């Protein structure tokens, strides 16, 4: 179990809220988790997912890229793809 106030604890609570459809509250918790530990890749990844849910795709793409930079096993969903030269993500039809 994650220590209260830790990045994993806040990200876990954010994930639970996201599953309940409370994306804006989840986003706040993911941001808090990142403030506590900027290198905690799952918080960046789940923040990106929640941002995608509310159609903030440009910001979501940056967060997916950051999550992947921190943990290469975390990849963006199929509808997002990495542009090799810019290392940014874009929406593909």
Protein backbone atom coordinates (compact mmCIF):
# COMPACT_ATOMS: atom_id res chain seq x y z
CA UNK A 1 0.00 0.00 0.00
CA UNK A 2 1.27 3.46 -0.94
CA UNK A 3 2.18 5.94 1.77
CA UNK A 4 -0.49 8.69 2.12
CA UNK A 5 0.64 11.87 0.39
CA UNK A 6 3.04 9.98 -1.88
CA UNK A 7 2.88 10.26 -5.66
CA UNK A 8 1.65 6.64 -6.01
CA UNK A 9 -1.12 7.23 -3.44
CA UNK A 10 -2.33 10.41 -5.14
CA UNK A 11 -2.12 8.84 -8.60
CA UNK A 12 -4.04 5.80 -7.38
CA UNK A 13 -6.82 7.97 -5.99
CA UNK A 14 -6.82 9.97 -9.22
CA UNK A 15 -7.16 6.77 -11.21
CA UNK A 16 -10.12 5.69 -9.08
CA UNK A 17 -11.81 9.05 -9.67
CA UNK A 18 -11.11 8.80 -13.38
CA UNK A 19 -12.80 5.40 -13.50
CA UNK A 20 -15.84 7.01 -11.90
CA UNK A 21 -15.93 9.66 -14.63
CA UNK A 22 -14.60 12.42 -12.38
CA UNK A 23 -11.85 13.44 -14.79
CA UNK A 24 -11.32 17.01 -13.56
CA UNK A 25 -10.84 15.87 -9.95
CA UNK A 26 -8.55 13.10 -11.20
CA UNK A 27 -6.50 15.62 -13.18
CA UNK A 28 -5.98 17.69 -10.04
CA UNK A 29 -4.67 14.63 -8.18
CA UNK A 30 -2.38 13.61 -11.04
CA UNK A 31 -0.92 17.14 -11.03
CA UNK A 32 -0.37 16.86 -7.26
CA UNK A 33 1.34 13.50 -7.70
CA UNK A 34 3.64 15.01 -10.32
CA UNK A 35 4.47 17.91 -7.99
CA UNK A 36 5.52 15.39 -5.32
CA UNK A 37 7.51 13.26 -7.78
CA UNK A 38 7.99 14.70 -11.28
CA UNK A 39 9.57 11.42 -12.41
CA UNK A 40 6.60 9.23 -11.47
CA UNK A 41 5.68 8.06 -14.97
CA UNK A 42 2.27 6.52 -14.13
CA UNK A 43 1.01 9.92 -12.95
CA UNK A 44 1.98 11.48 -16.29
CA UNK A 45 0.41 8.58 -18.18
CA UNK A 46 -2.88 8.69 -16.27
CA UNK A 47 -2.95 12.50 -16.47
CA UNK A 48 -2.69 12.14 -20.25
CA UNK A 49 -5.54 9.64 -20.27
CA UNK A 50 -7.78 11.93 -18.19
CA UNK A 51 -6.90 14.91 -20.37
CA UNK A 52 -7.83 12.86 -23.43
CA UNK A 53 -11.18 12.11 -21.81
CA UNK A 54 -11.96 15.83 -21.64
CA UNK A 55 -10.65 16.42 -25.18
CA UNK A 56 -7.46 18.24 -24.14
CA UNK A 57 -5.55 16.26 -26.76
CA UNK A 58 -2.55 18.57 -27.23
CA UNK A 59 -1.74 18.62 -23.52
CA UNK A 60 -2.48 14.89 -23.32
CA UNK A 61 -0.01 14.22 -26.12
CA UNK A 62 2.74 16.03 -24.20
CA UNK A 63 1.96 14.03 -21.07
CA UNK A 64 2.00 10.73 -22.99
CA UNK A 65 5.40 11.73 -24.39
CA UNK A 66 6.70 12.56 -20.89
CA UNK A 67 5.41 9.27 -19.50
CA UNK A 68 7.11 7.37 -22.32
CA UNK A 69 10.34 9.31 -21.79
CA UNK A 70 10.34 8.31 -18.11
CA UNK A 71 9.20 4.73 -18.74
CA UNK A 72 9.47 3.44 -22.32
CA UNK A 73 7.00 0.64 -21.55
CA UNK A 74 4.24 3.28 -21.31
CA UNK A 75 2.99 4.09 -24.79
CA UNK A 76 0.24 6.30 -26.12
CA UNK A 77 -3.00 4.77 -27.39
CA UNK A 78 -3.12 3.75 -31.06
CA UNK A 79 -4.78 7.01 -32.13
CA UNK A 80 -1.71 8.95 -30.99
CA UNK A 81 1.59 8.51 -32.74
CA UNK A 82 5.10 9.84 -32.12
CA UNK A 83 6.61 12.10 -34.76
CA UNK A 84 10.25 10.95 -34.98
CA UNK A 85 11.91 14.35 -35.60
CA UNK A 86 9.96 16.45 -33.10
CA UNK A 87 9.51 13.72 -30.50
CA UNK A 88 6.01 15.10 -29.97
CA UNK A 89 2.76 13.27 -30.34
CA UNK A 90 -0.05 14.00 -32.75
CA UNK A 91 -3.55 12.72 -33.33
CA UNK A 92 -3.92 10.42 -36.32
CA UNK A 93 -7.27 9.80 -38.03
